[in-house]
């Protein structure tokens, strides 16, 4: 009785095992996924099966069928598909993006059914960045950048400005799947080399940098005298005034003394052996021809007599001081 039960159980397990292999025990494994357009992929069965006859299809379209040593490839895959008549493995060559899909194998001897999905991606090539810009002005203009490729599928885009990743915000917008970048109300900090990096599961590429030039200023001016903030000097000193302004392009600089232009331009005004009559206001005026904006900064410089000059004056006044003291003494005693 016990032997009969064991035999029945063994037969049941064998039937279950055969059903398992027929319905889902065999799986299809691609040699690579995703695959690259133009490349090759092999769809193999695991565990390996000695399939004497069967067929492969993708979606509703037949690819190949075989019986023993004979195999027939359907026109859609002529010259690009072949089957290993021993294992049933399907090899596809010269892949295209259109070859993506669910591939199913049907075995008739033995009976089995299994499938796997593969994706074919086209490699990215020739990433190009173009920028639409003409006379961009800070807080007034916008920049439009477009990233394109000559080949590639399933594209993802990342934009950088210098070493920083560009993030979408109130002024920054992405469109056309991320291939177009718009920067509104440009600021001077938007200037810099922009790049776009494009990737998909099988490749990537980065464009050459493109500079976005934003015209701004002049503003944030600074004026130093002899490299310091001091404004009081003695006669005979040599003074070097340096003026700077934040501006793109660089501002044109002109100097003025007491409101009157002097014959000096550029960042430096040099005064040699100054005298008291050079006391007054010195102004650096800045102009940006591209933005048509002006700015200025003024310092009041005081030139006083030197110690030697003061000593000479004191010596010259000494007789008068002595005479004055004698007169005071005489009038007091009388």
C-alpha atoms as a PDB file:
ATOM      1  CA  UNK A   1       0.000   0.000   0.000  1.00  0.00           C
ATOM      2  CA  UNK A   2       2.815   2.393   0.921  1.00  0.00           C
ATOM      3  CA  UNK A   3       4.784   1.614  -2.287  1.00  0.00           C
ATOM      4  CA  UNK A   4       1.706   2.360  -4.389  1.00  0.00           C
ATOM      5  CA  UNK A   5       1.213   5.710  -2.658  1.00  0.00           C
ATOM      6  CA  UNK A   6       4.844   6.656  -3.240  1.00  0.00           C
ATOM      7  CA  UNK A   7       4.597   5.739  -6.902  1.00  0.00           C
ATOM      8  CA  UNK A   8       1.439   7.823  -7.281  1.00  0.00           C
ATOM      9  CA  UNK A   9       3.125  10.764  -5.566  1.00  0.00           C
ATOM     10  CA  UNK A  10       6.200  10.420  -7.793  1.00  0.00           C
ATOM     11  CA  UNK A  11       4.051  10.359 -10.939  1.00  0.00           C
ATOM     12  CA  UNK A  12       2.161  13.412  -9.718  1.00  0.00           C
ATOM     13  CA  UNK A  13       5.402  15.320  -9.079  1.00  0.00           C
ATOM     14  CA  UNK A  14       6.690  14.396 -12.539  1.00  0.00           C
ATOM     15  CA  UNK A  15       3.540  15.682 -14.150  1.00  0.00           C
ATOM     16  CA  UNK A  16       3.762  18.867 -12.093  1.00  0.00           C
ATOM     17  CA  UNK A  17       7.393  19.333 -13.079  1.00  0.00           C
ATOM     18  CA  UNK A  18       6.603  18.912 -16.775  1.00  0.00           C
ATOM     19  CA  UNK A  19       3.760  21.381 -16.470  1.00  0.00           C
ATOM     20  CA  UNK A  20       6.067  23.800 -14.657  1.00  0.00           C
ATOM     21  CA  UNK A  21       8.669  23.594 -17.415  1.00  0.00           C
ATOM     22  CA  UNK A  22       6.009  24.033 -20.057  1.00  0.00           C
ATOM     23  CA  UNK A  23       4.342  27.033 -18.470  1.00  0.00           C
ATOM     24  CA  UNK A  24       7.075  29.010 -16.803  1.00  0.00           C
ATOM     25  CA  UNK A  25      10.036  26.980 -15.658  1.00  0.00           C
ATOM     26  CA  UNK A  26      12.037  28.067 -18.706  1.00  0.00           C
ATOM     27  CA  UNK A  27      12.931  31.731 -19.032  1.00  0.00           C
ATOM     28  CA  UNK A  28      14.450  33.814 -21.801  1.00  0.00           C
ATOM     29  CA  UNK A  29      17.570  35.808 -20.986  1.00  0.00           C
ATOM     30  CA  UNK A  30      18.968  38.444 -23.398  1.00  0.00           C
ATOM     31  CA  UNK A  31      22.755  38.562 -23.716  1.00  0.00           C
ATOM     32  CA  UNK A  32      22.510  42.341 -23.300  1.00  0.00           C
ATOM     33  CA  UNK A  33      19.637  44.671 -22.442  1.00  0.00           C
ATOM     34  CA  UNK A  34      19.301  47.399 -23.459  1.00  0.00           C
ATOM     35  CA  UNK A  35      21.087  46.641 -26.692  1.00  0.00           C
ATOM     36  CA  UNK A  36      22.803  49.102 -29.015  1.00  0.00           C
ATOM     37  CA  UNK A  37      21.432  49.861 -32.467  1.00  0.00           C
ATOM     38  CA  UNK A  38      23.667  48.222 -35.053  1.00  0.00           C
ATOM     39  CA  UNK A  39      24.757  45.587 -32.547  1.00  0.00           C
ATOM     40  CA  UNK A  40      23.802  41.990 -31.789  1.00  0.00           C
ATOM     41  CA  UNK A  41      21.724  40.313 -29.095  1.00  0.00           C
ATOM     42  CA  UNK A  42      21.117  36.633 -28.360  1.00  0.00           C
ATOM     43  CA  UNK A  43      17.985  35.427 -26.551  1.00  0.00           C
ATOM     44  CA  UNK A  44      18.835  32.184 -24.770  1.00  0.00           C
ATOM     45  CA  UNK A  45      16.686  29.763 -22.761  1.00  0.00           C
ATOM     46  CA  UNK A  46      17.484  28.906 -19.146  1.00  0.00           C
ATOM     47  CA  UNK A  47      17.752  26.169 -18.239  1.00  0.00           C
ATOM     48  CA  UNK A  48      18.987  25.094 -21.645  1.00  0.00           C
ATOM     49  CA  UNK A  49      16.554  22.931 -23.630  1.00  0.00           C
ATOM     50  CA  UNK A  50      17.039  20.684 -26.634  1.00  0.00           C
ATOM     51  CA  UNK A  51      14.140  22.020 -28.684  1.00  0.00           C
ATOM     52  CA  UNK A  52      13.574  20.070 -31.877  1.00  0.00           C
ATOM     53  CA  UNK A  53      10.921  22.418 -33.255  1.00  0.00           C
ATOM     54  CA  UNK A  54       9.429  25.775 -32.393  1.00  0.00           C
ATOM     55  CA  UNK A  55       9.095  29.427 -33.367  1.00  0.00           C
ATOM     56  CA  UNK A  56      10.025  32.960 -32.258  1.00  0.00           C
ATOM     57  CA  UNK A  57       7.862  36.060 -32.605  1.00  0.00           C
ATOM     58  CA  UNK A  58       7.942  39.659 -31.476  1.00  0.00           C
ATOM     59  CA  UNK A  59       4.574  41.109 -30.593  1.00  0.00           C
ATOM     60  CA  UNK A  60       2.240  39.700 -33.218  1.00  0.00           C
ATOM     61  CA  UNK A  61       4.947  39.379 -35.885  1.00  0.00           C
ATOM     62  CA  UNK A  62       6.696  36.039 -36.544  1.00  0.00           C
ATOM     63  CA  UNK A  63      10.498  36.119 -36.715  1.00  0.00           C
ATOM     64  CA  UNK A  64      11.659  32.557 -37.354  1.00  0.00           C
ATOM     65  CA  UNK A  65      10.402  28.992 -37.190  1.00  0.00           C
ATOM     66  CA  UNK A  66      12.351  25.726 -37.244  1.00  0.00           C
ATOM     67  CA  UNK A  67      11.833  22.002 -37.490  1.00  0.00           C
ATOM     68  CA  UNK A  68      14.797  19.741 -36.935  1.00  0.00           C
ATOM     69  CA  UNK A  69      17.681  21.172 -38.967  1.00  0.00           C
ATOM     70  CA  UNK A  70      15.430  23.332 -41.126  1.00  0.00           C
ATOM     71  CA  UNK A  71      14.693  26.973 -40.204  1.00  0.00           C
ATOM     72  CA  UNK A  72      12.748  29.660 -42.005  1.00  0.00           C
ATOM     73  CA  UNK A  73      13.270  33.379 -41.342  1.00  0.00           C
ATOM     74  CA  UNK A  74      10.337  35.681 -42.097  1.00  0.00           C
ATOM     75  CA  UNK A  75      10.888  38.627 -44.511  1.00  0.00           C
ATOM     76  CA  UNK A  76      10.875  41.245 -41.738  1.00  0.00           C
ATOM     77  CA  UNK A  77      14.097  39.712 -40.349  1.00  0.00           C
ATOM     78  CA  UNK A  78      15.724  38.190 -43.420  1.00  0.00           C
ATOM     79  CA  UNK A  79      19.482  38.250 -43.063  1.00  0.00           C
ATOM     80  CA  UNK A  80      19.269  39.436 -39.452  1.00  0.00           C
ATOM     81  CA  UNK A  81      17.825  36.513 -37.474  1.00  0.00           C
ATOM     82  CA  UNK A  82      18.939  32.949 -36.871  1.00  0.00           C
ATOM     83  CA  UNK A  83      18.090  30.211 -34.381  1.00  0.00           C
ATOM     84  CA  UNK A  84      20.293  27.612 -32.751  1.00  0.00           C
ATOM     85  CA  UNK A  85      18.459  24.423 -33.716  1.00  0.00           C
ATOM     86  CA  UNK A  86      19.878  22.624 -30.699  1.00  0.00           C
ATOM     87  CA  UNK A  87      19.032  25.114 -27.955  1.00  0.00           C
ATOM     88  CA  UNK A  88      16.410  27.306 -29.582  1.00  0.00           C
ATOM     89  CA  UNK A  89      18.429  30.475 -28.859  1.00  0.00           C
ATOM     90  CA  UNK A  90      17.568  33.384 -31.160  1.00  0.00           C
ATOM     91  CA  UNK A  91      20.289  35.740 -32.418  1.00  0.00           C
ATOM     92  CA  UNK A  92      19.422  39.122 -33.930  1.00  0.00           C
ATOM     93  CA  UNK A  93      22.015  41.245 -35.738  1.00  0.00           C
ATOM     94  CA  UNK A  94      22.087  44.765 -37.221  1.00  0.00           C
ATOM     95  CA  UNK A  95      19.648  45.859 -34.546  1.00  0.00           C
ATOM     96  CA  UNK A  96      17.416  48.895 -34.948  1.00  0.00           C
ATOM     97  CA  UNK A  97      15.330  50.816 -32.431  1.00  0.00           C
ATOM     98  CA  UNK A  98      12.282  49.205 -34.053  1.00  0.00           C
ATOM     99  CA  UNK A  99      13.534  45.801 -32.868  1.00  0.00           C
ATOM    100  CA  UNK A 100      12.541  46.725 -29.312  1.00  0.00           C
ATOM    101  CA  UNK A 101       9.685  44.615 -27.985  1.00  0.00           C
ATOM    102  CA  UNK A 102       8.605  41.407 -26.250  1.00  0.00           C
ATOM    103  CA  UNK A 103      10.088  38.290 -27.865  1.00  0.00           C
ATOM    104  CA  UNK A 104       8.286  34.998 -27.292  1.00  0.00           C
ATOM    105  CA  UNK A 105       9.442  31.478 -27.976  1.00  0.00           C
ATOM    106  CA  UNK A 106       6.990  28.601 -28.500  1.00  0.00           C
ATOM    107  CA  UNK A 107       8.415  25.112 -28.360  1.00  0.00           C
ATOM    108  CA  UNK A 108       6.425  22.253 -29.887  1.00  0.00           C
ATOM    109  CA  UNK A 109       8.919  19.474 -29.157  1.00  0.00           C
ATOM    110  CA  UNK A 110       9.067  19.696 -26.210  1.00  0.00           C
ATOM    111  CA  UNK A 111       6.221  22.078 -25.471  1.00  0.00           C
ATOM    112  CA  UNK A 112       7.177  25.270 -23.732  1.00  0.00           C
ATOM    113  CA  UNK A 113       6.448  28.968 -23.791  1.00  0.00           C
ATOM    114  CA  UNK A 114       8.570  31.852 -22.520  1.00  0.00           C
ATOM    115  CA  UNK A 115       9.259  35.494 -23.346  1.00  0.00           C
ATOM    116  CA  UNK A 116      11.472  38.444 -22.560  1.00  0.00           C
ATOM    117  CA  UNK A 117      11.431  42.149 -23.358  1.00  0.00           C
ATOM    118  CA  UNK A 118      14.416  43.870 -24.952  1.00  0.00           C
ATOM    119  CA  UNK A 119      15.048  47.510 -25.687  1.00  0.00           C
ATOM    120  CA  UNK A 120      17.284  48.751 -28.484  1.00  0.00           C
ATOM    121  CA  UNK A 121      18.746  52.240 -28.096  1.00  0.00           C
ATOM    122  CA  UNK A 122      20.556  54.327 -30.672  1.00  0.00           C
ATOM    123  CA  UNK A 123      23.966  55.634 -29.552  1.00  0.00           C
ATOM    124  CA  UNK A 124      24.306  59.376 -29.081  1.00  0.00           C
ATOM    125  CA  UNK A 125      26.584  61.294 -31.432  1.00  0.00           C
ATOM    126  CA  UNK A 126      27.474  64.915 -32.205  1.00  0.00           C
ATOM    127  CA  UNK A 127      25.954  66.792 -29.278  1.00  0.00           C
ATOM    128  CA  UNK A 128      25.649  70.431 -30.329  1.00  0.00           C
ATOM    129  CA  UNK A 129      24.672  73.510 -28.303  1.00  0.00           C
ATOM    130  CA  UNK A 130      23.424  76.681 -29.956  1.00  0.00           C
ATOM    131  CA  UNK A 131      22.679  79.948 -28.156  1.00  0.00           C
ATOM    132  CA  UNK A 132      20.455  82.764 -29.358  1.00  0.00           C
ATOM    133  CA  UNK A 133      21.949  85.970 -27.984  1.00  0.00           C
ATOM    134  CA  UNK A 134      22.404  89.515 -29.240  1.00  0.00           C
ATOM    135  CA  UNK A 135      23.317  92.414 -26.964  1.00  0.00           C
ATOM    136  CA  UNK A 136      22.020  90.764 -23.794  1.00  0.00           C
ATOM    137  CA  UNK A 137      21.353  93.306 -21.021  1.00  0.00           C
ATOM    138  CA  UNK A 138      21.141  92.523 -17.329  1.00  0.00           C
ATOM    139  CA  UNK A 139      17.553  92.386 -15.983  1.00  0.00           C
ATOM    140  CA  UNK A 140      16.181  93.083 -19.485  1.00  0.00           C
ATOM    141  CA  UNK A 141      17.143  90.225 -21.809  1.00  0.00           C
ATOM    142  CA  UNK A 142      16.583  86.476 -21.986  1.00  0.00           C
ATOM    143  CA  UNK A 143      18.770  83.734 -23.462  1.00  0.00           C
ATOM    144  CA  UNK A 144      17.483  80.750 -25.447  1.00  0.00           C
ATOM    145  CA  UNK A 145      19.694  77.659 -25.772  1.00  0.00           C
ATOM    146  CA  UNK A 146      19.024  74.531 -27.779  1.00  0.00           C
ATOM    147  CA  UNK A 147      20.778  71.163 -27.458  1.00  0.00           C
ATOM    148  CA  UNK A 148      20.668  68.772 -30.404  1.00  0.00           C
ATOM    149  CA  UNK A 149      22.181  65.434 -31.456  1.00  0.00           C
ATOM    150  CA  UNK A 150      22.731  63.945 -34.876  1.00  0.00           C
ATOM    151  CA  UNK A 151      21.781  60.483 -33.560  1.00  0.00           C
ATOM    152  CA  UNK A 152      20.411  58.968 -30.357  1.00  0.00           C
ATOM    153  CA  UNK A 153      17.217  57.722 -28.750  1.00  0.00           C
ATOM    154  CA  UNK A 154      15.568  57.928 -25.299  1.00  0.00           C
ATOM    155  CA  UNK A 155      17.520  61.085 -24.534  1.00  0.00           C
ATOM    156  CA  UNK A 156      17.977  62.679 -21.116  1.00  0.00           C
ATOM    157  CA  UNK A 157      19.475  66.167 -20.713  1.00  0.00           C
ATOM    158  CA  UNK A 158      21.560  67.827 -17.998  1.00  0.00           C
ATOM    159  CA  UNK A 159      22.574  71.496 -18.299  1.00  0.00           C
ATOM    160  CA  UNK A 160      25.567  73.056 -16.573  1.00  0.00           C
ATOM    161  CA  UNK A 161      26.903  76.590 -16.216  1.00  0.00           C
ATOM    162  CA  UNK A 162      30.574  76.306 -15.370  1.00  0.00           C
ATOM    163  CA  UNK A 163      30.752  73.493 -12.831  1.00  0.00           C
ATOM    164  CA  UNK A 164      27.220  74.024 -11.499  1.00  0.00           C
ATOM    165  CA  UNK A 165      24.143  72.111 -12.625  1.00  0.00           C
ATOM    166  CA  UNK A 166      21.428  74.441 -13.913  1.00  0.00           C
ATOM    167  CA  UNK A 167      18.248  74.034 -11.883  1.00  0.00           C
ATOM    168  CA  UNK A 168      14.745  74.945 -12.999  1.00  0.00           C
ATOM    169  CA  UNK A 169      13.300  77.953 -11.169  1.00  0.00           C
ATOM    170  CA  UNK A 170      11.362  81.179 -11.631  1.00  0.00           C
ATOM    171  CA  UNK A 171      13.775  82.412 -14.292  1.00  0.00           C
ATOM    172  CA  UNK A 172      15.013  79.097 -15.654  1.00  0.00           C
ATOM    173  CA  UNK A 173      12.771  76.926 -17.818  1.00  0.00           C
ATOM    174  CA  UNK A 174      13.229  73.671 -19.732  1.00  0.00           C
ATOM    175  CA  UNK A 175      11.113  72.610 -22.692  1.00  0.00           C
ATOM    176  CA  UNK A 176      11.074  70.159 -25.614  1.00  0.00           C
ATOM    177  CA  UNK A 177      11.879  67.249 -23.342  1.00  0.00           C
ATOM    178  CA  UNK A 178      14.729  69.140 -21.723  1.00  0.00           C
ATOM    179  CA  UNK A 179      16.571  69.973 -24.953  1.00  0.00           C
ATOM    180  CA  UNK A 180      15.738  73.708 -24.777  1.00  0.00           C
ATOM    181  CA  UNK A 181      16.873  75.957 -21.935  1.00  0.00           C
ATOM    182  CA  UNK A 182      15.466  79.444 -21.412  1.00  0.00           C
ATOM    183  CA  UNK A 183      16.966  81.883 -18.899  1.00  0.00           C
ATOM    184  CA  UNK A 184      14.767  84.929 -18.321  1.00  0.00           C
ATOM    185  CA  UNK A 185      15.744  88.351 -16.947  1.00  0.00           C
ATOM    186  CA  UNK A 186      19.427  87.562 -17.140  1.00  0.00           C
ATOM    187  CA  UNK A 187      21.815  88.682 -14.408  1.00  0.00           C
ATOM    188  CA  UNK A 188      25.593  89.011 -14.556  1.00  0.00           C
ATOM    189  CA  UNK A 189      25.842  85.728 -12.668  1.00  0.00           C
ATOM    190  CA  UNK A 190      24.220  83.920 -15.598  1.00  0.00           C
ATOM    191  CA  UNK A 191      27.295  84.662 -17.688  1.00  0.00           C
ATOM    192  CA  UNK A 192      29.556  81.709 -18.230  1.00  0.00           C
ATOM    193  CA  UNK A 193      30.229  78.618 -20.295  1.00  0.00           C
ATOM    194  CA  UNK A 194      27.035  76.616 -20.702  1.00  0.00           C
ATOM    195  CA  UNK A 195      27.136  72.941 -21.690  1.00  0.00           C
ATOM    196  CA  UNK A 196      24.486  70.314 -22.277  1.00  0.00           C
ATOM    197  CA  UNK A 197      25.130  66.667 -21.499  1.00  0.00           C
ATOM    198  CA  UNK A 198      22.938  64.050 -23.177  1.00  0.00           C
ATOM    199  CA  UNK A 199      22.644  60.423 -22.121  1.00  0.00           C
ATOM    200  CA  UNK A 200      20.640  57.275 -22.697  1.00  0.00           C
ATOM    201  CA  UNK A 201      21.050  53.734 -21.308  1.00  0.00           C
ATOM    202  CA  UNK A 202      23.817  52.862 -23.800  1.00  0.00           C
ATOM    203  CA  UNK A 203      25.795  56.081 -24.377  1.00  0.00           C
ATOM    204  CA  UNK A 204      26.358  59.724 -23.484  1.00  0.00           C
ATOM    205  CA  UNK A 205      27.850  62.886 -24.909  1.00  0.00           C
ATOM    206  CA  UNK A 206      28.561  66.507 -23.976  1.00  0.00           C
ATOM    207  CA  UNK A 207      28.531  69.629 -26.118  1.00  0.00           C
ATOM    208  CA  UNK A 208      31.330  72.139 -26.459  1.00  0.00           C
ATOM    209  CA  UNK A 209      30.964  75.117 -24.087  1.00  0.00           C
ATOM    210  CA  UNK A 210      29.092  78.194 -25.261  1.00  0.00           C
ATOM    211  CA  UNK A 211      29.542  81.484 -23.430  1.00  0.00           C
ATOM    212  CA  UNK A 212      26.538  83.635 -22.654  1.00  0.00           C
ATOM    213  CA  UNK A 213      27.662  87.274 -22.487  1.00  0.00           C
ATOM    214  CA  UNK A 214      25.534  89.561 -20.309  1.00  0.00           C
ATOM    215  CA  UNK A 215      26.207  93.296 -20.471  1.00  0.00           C
ATOM    216  CA  UNK A 216      25.905  95.080 -17.109  1.00  0.00           C
ATOM    217  CA  UNK A 217      27.093  98.040 -15.048  1.00  0.00           C
ATOM    218  CA  UNK A 218      28.921 100.184 -14.321  1.00  0.00           C
ATOM    219  CA  UNK A 219      28.193  99.878 -10.598  1.00  0.00           C
ATOM    220  CA  UNK A 220      29.815  98.963  -7.277  1.00  0.00           C
ATOM    221  CA  UNK A 221      32.552 101.526  -7.842  1.00  0.00           C
ATOM    222  CA  UNK A 222      35.591 101.899  -5.599  1.00  0.00           C
ATOM    223  CA  UNK A 223      38.233 104.637  -5.315  1.00  0.00           C
ATOM    224  CA  UNK A 224      41.439 104.403  -3.285  1.00  0.00           C
ATOM    225  CA  UNK A 225      44.270 106.886  -2.787  1.00  0.00           C
ATOM    226  CA  UNK A 226      47.736 105.382  -2.423  1.00  0.00           C
ATOM    227  CA  UNK A 227      46.014 102.032  -1.917  1.00  0.00           C
ATOM    228  CA  UNK A 228      44.165 103.225   1.202  1.00  0.00           C
ATOM    229  CA  UNK A 229      41.021 104.992   2.259  1.00  0.00           C
ATOM    230  CA  UNK A 230      42.986 107.974   3.640  1.00  0.00           C
ATOM    231  CA  UNK A 231      41.998 111.370   2.234  1.00  0.00           C
ATOM    232  CA  UNK A 232      44.374 113.762   4.080  1.00  0.00           C
ATOM    233  CA  UNK A 233      47.916 114.336   2.843  1.00  0.00           C
ATOM    234  CA  UNK A 234      50.700 116.849   3.229  1.00  0.00           C
ATOM    235  CA  UNK A 235      51.997 119.137   0.511  1.00  0.00           C
ATOM    236  CA  UNK A 236      54.757 117.570  -1.553  1.00  0.00           C
ATOM    237  CA  UNK A 237      53.223 114.092  -1.442  1.00  0.00           C
ATOM    238  CA  UNK A 238      52.767 111.954  -4.505  1.00  0.00           C
ATOM    239  CA  UNK A 239      49.206 110.651  -4.901  1.00  0.00           C
ATOM    240  CA  UNK A 240      48.004 107.707  -6.954  1.00  0.00           C
ATOM    241  CA  UNK A 241      44.232 107.361  -7.225  1.00  0.00           C
ATOM    242  CA  UNK A 242      42.839 104.071  -8.487  1.00  0.00           C
ATOM    243  CA  UNK A 243      39.254 103.689  -9.665  1.00  0.00           C
ATOM    244  CA  UNK A 244      37.344 100.494 -10.410  1.00  0.00           C
ATOM    245  CA  UNK A 245      33.802  99.579 -11.451  1.00  0.00           C
ATOM    246  CA  UNK A 246      31.954  96.325 -12.039  1.00  0.00           C
ATOM    247  CA  UNK A 247      31.046  96.444 -15.715  1.00  0.00           C
ATOM    248  CA  UNK A 248      30.833  94.283 -18.812  1.00  0.00           C
ATOM    249  CA  UNK A 249      32.286  95.340 -21.110  1.00  0.00           C
ATOM    250  CA  UNK A 250      34.857  97.299 -19.094  1.00  0.00           C
ATOM    251  CA  UNK A 251      33.662 100.825 -18.379  1.00  0.00           C
ATOM    252  CA  UNK A 252      35.279 103.926 -19.861  1.00  0.00           C
ATOM    253  CA  UNK A 253      36.734 105.982 -16.987  1.00  0.00           C
ATOM    254  CA  UNK A 254      37.203 109.768 -16.872  1.00  0.00           C
ATOM    255  CA  UNK A 255      38.498 111.941 -14.013  1.00  0.00           C
ATOM    256  CA  UNK A 256      37.243 115.309 -12.750  1.00  0.00           C
ATOM    257  CA  UNK A 257      38.507 117.817 -10.151  1.00  0.00           C
ATOM    258  CA  UNK A 258      35.988 120.083  -8.438  1.00  0.00           C
ATOM    259  CA  UNK A 259      33.419 119.148 -11.068  1.00  0.00           C
ATOM    260  CA  UNK A 260      35.661 119.972 -14.035  1.00  0.00           C
ATOM    261  CA  UNK A 261      37.007 117.232 -16.303  1.00  0.00           C
ATOM    262  CA  UNK A 262      40.763 116.822 -16.261  1.00  0.00           C
ATOM    263  CA  UNK A 263      42.970 115.517 -19.029  1.00  0.00           C
ATOM    264  CA  UNK A 264      43.153 111.990 -17.613  1.00  0.00           C
ATOM    265  CA  UNK A 265      41.324 108.781 -18.449  1.00  0.00           C
ATOM    266  CA  UNK A 266      41.612 105.187 -17.310  1.00  0.00           C
ATOM    267  CA  UNK A 267      41.804 103.571 -13.919  1.00  0.00           C
ATOM    268  CA  UNK A 268      44.707 105.691 -12.583  1.00  0.00           C
ATOM    269  CA  UNK A 269      45.100 109.391 -11.735  1.00  0.00           C
ATOM    270  CA  UNK A 270      48.637 110.376 -10.656  1.00  0.00           C
ATOM    271  CA  UNK A 271      49.443 113.612  -8.824  1.00  0.00           C
ATOM    272  CA  UNK A 272      53.118 114.530  -8.202  1.00  0.00           C
ATOM    273  CA  UNK A 273      54.261 116.867  -5.379  1.00  0.00           C
ATOM    274  CA  UNK A 274      50.787 118.062  -4.551  1.00  0.00           C
ATOM    275  CA  UNK A 275      50.149 121.501  -3.103  1.00  0.00           C
ATOM    276  CA  UNK A 276      47.418 123.009  -0.937  1.00  0.00           C
ATOM    277  CA  UNK A 277      45.542 124.358  -3.944  1.00  0.00           C
ATOM    278  CA  UNK A 278      44.930 120.779  -5.035  1.00  0.00           C
ATOM    279  CA  UNK A 279      42.617 120.277  -2.073  1.00  0.00           C
ATOM    280  CA  UNK A 280      39.097 119.489  -3.260  1.00  0.00           C
ATOM    281  CA  UNK A 281      36.781 116.812  -4.672  1.00  0.00           C
ATOM    282  CA  UNK A 282      38.077 114.217  -7.097  1.00  0.00           C
ATOM    283  CA  UNK A 283      35.545 112.242  -9.100  1.00  0.00           C
ATOM    284  CA  UNK A 284      35.887 109.097 -11.180  1.00  0.00           C
ATOM    285  CA  UNK A 285      33.152 108.850 -13.827  1.00  0.00           C
ATOM    286  CA  UNK A 286      32.311 105.505 -15.481  1.00  0.00           C
ATOM    287  CA  UNK A 287      30.345 104.854 -18.668  1.00  0.00           C
ATOM    288  CA  UNK A 288      29.336 101.579 -20.349  1.00  0.00           C
ATOM    289  CA  UNK A 289      28.710 102.076 -24.035  1.00  0.00           C
ATOM    290  CA  UNK A 290      26.707  98.813 -24.357  1.00  0.00           C
ATOM    291  CA  UNK A 291      24.312  99.498 -21.482  1.00  0.00           C
ATOM    292  CA  UNK A 292      24.355 103.316 -21.922  1.00  0.00           C
ATOM    293  CA  UNK A 293      24.667 103.654 -18.132  1.00  0.00           C
ATOM    294  CA  UNK A 294      26.771 106.065 -16.061  1.00  0.00           C
ATOM    295  CA  UNK A 295      28.082 105.896 -12.527  1.00  0.00           C
ATOM    296  CA  UNK A 296      30.558 107.888 -10.455  1.00  0.00           C
ATOM    297  CA  UNK A 297      32.371 108.004  -7.143  1.00  0.00           C
ATOM    298  CA  UNK A 298      33.845 111.048  -5.379  1.00  0.00           C
ATOM    299  CA  UNK A 299      36.495 111.587  -2.701  1.00  0.00           C
ATOM    300  CA  UNK A 300      37.396 114.862  -0.992  1.00  0.00           C
ATOM    301  CA  UNK A 301      41.177 115.166  -0.700  1.00  0.00           C
ATOM    302  CA  UNK A 302      42.734 117.592   1.790  1.00  0.00           C
ATOM    303  CA  UNK A 303      46.293 118.823   1.207  1.00  0.00           C
ATOM    304  CA  UNK A 304      47.875 120.564   4.222  1.00  0.00           C
ATOM    305  CA  UNK A 305      51.232 122.280   4.668  1.00  0.00           C
ATOM    306  CA  UNK A 306      54.170 120.033   5.335  1.00  0.00           C
ATOM    307  CA  UNK A 307      56.099 120.176   8.659  1.00  0.00           C
ATOM    308  CA  UNK A 308      59.023 122.008   6.996  1.00  0.00           C
ATOM    309  CA  UNK A 309      56.725 124.652   5.555  1.00  0.00           C
ATOM    310  CA  UNK A 310      55.086 125.182   8.935  1.00  0.00           C
ATOM    311  CA  UNK A 311      58.511 125.522  10.607  1.00  0.00           C
ATOM    312  CA  UNK A 312      59.579 128.121   8.030  1.00  0.00           C
ATOM    313  CA  UNK A 313      56.431 130.102   8.729  1.00  0.00           C
ATOM    314  CA  UNK A 314      57.087 129.972  12.459  1.00  0.00           C
ATOM    315  CA  UNK A 315      60.661 131.227  11.981  1.00  0.00           C
ATOM    316  CA  UNK A 316      59.460 134.074   9.802  1.00  0.00           C
ATOM    317  CA  UNK A 317      56.900 135.099  12.414  1.00  0.00           C
ATOM    318  CA  UNK A 318      59.331 134.903  15.348  1.00  0.00           C
ATOM    319  CA  UNK A 319      60.561 138.561  15.132  1.00  0.00           C
ATOM    320  CA  UNK A 320      57.005 139.778  15.039  1.00  0.00           C
ATOM    321  CA  UNK A 321      56.152 137.641  18.029  1.00  0.00           C
ATOM    322  CA  UNK A 322      59.143 139.028  19.954  1.00  0.00           C
ATOM    323  CA  UNK A 323      58.254 142.605  19.033  1.00  0.00           C
ATOM    324  CA  UNK A 324      54.688 142.044  20.071  1.00  0.00           C
ATOM    325  CA  UNK A 325      55.755 140.700  23.463  1.00  0.00           C
ATOM    326  CA  UNK A 326      58.037 143.714  24.068  1.00  0.00           C
ATOM    327  CA  UNK A 327      55.239 146.136  23.282  1.00  0.00           C
ATOM    328  CA  UNK A 328      52.961 144.332  25.693  1.00  0.00           C
ATOM    329  CA  UNK A 329      55.649 144.415  28.383  1.00  0.00           C
ATOM    330  CA  UNK A 330      56.314 148.155  27.860  1.00  0.00           C
ATOM    331  CA  UNK A 331      52.680 149.144  28.001  1.00  0.00           C
ATOM    332  CA  UNK A 332      52.154 147.139  31.154  1.00  0.00           C
ATOM    333  CA  UNK A 333      55.049 148.731  33.042  1.00  0.00           C
ATOM    334  CA  UNK A 334      54.117 152.279  32.139  1.00  0.00           C
END
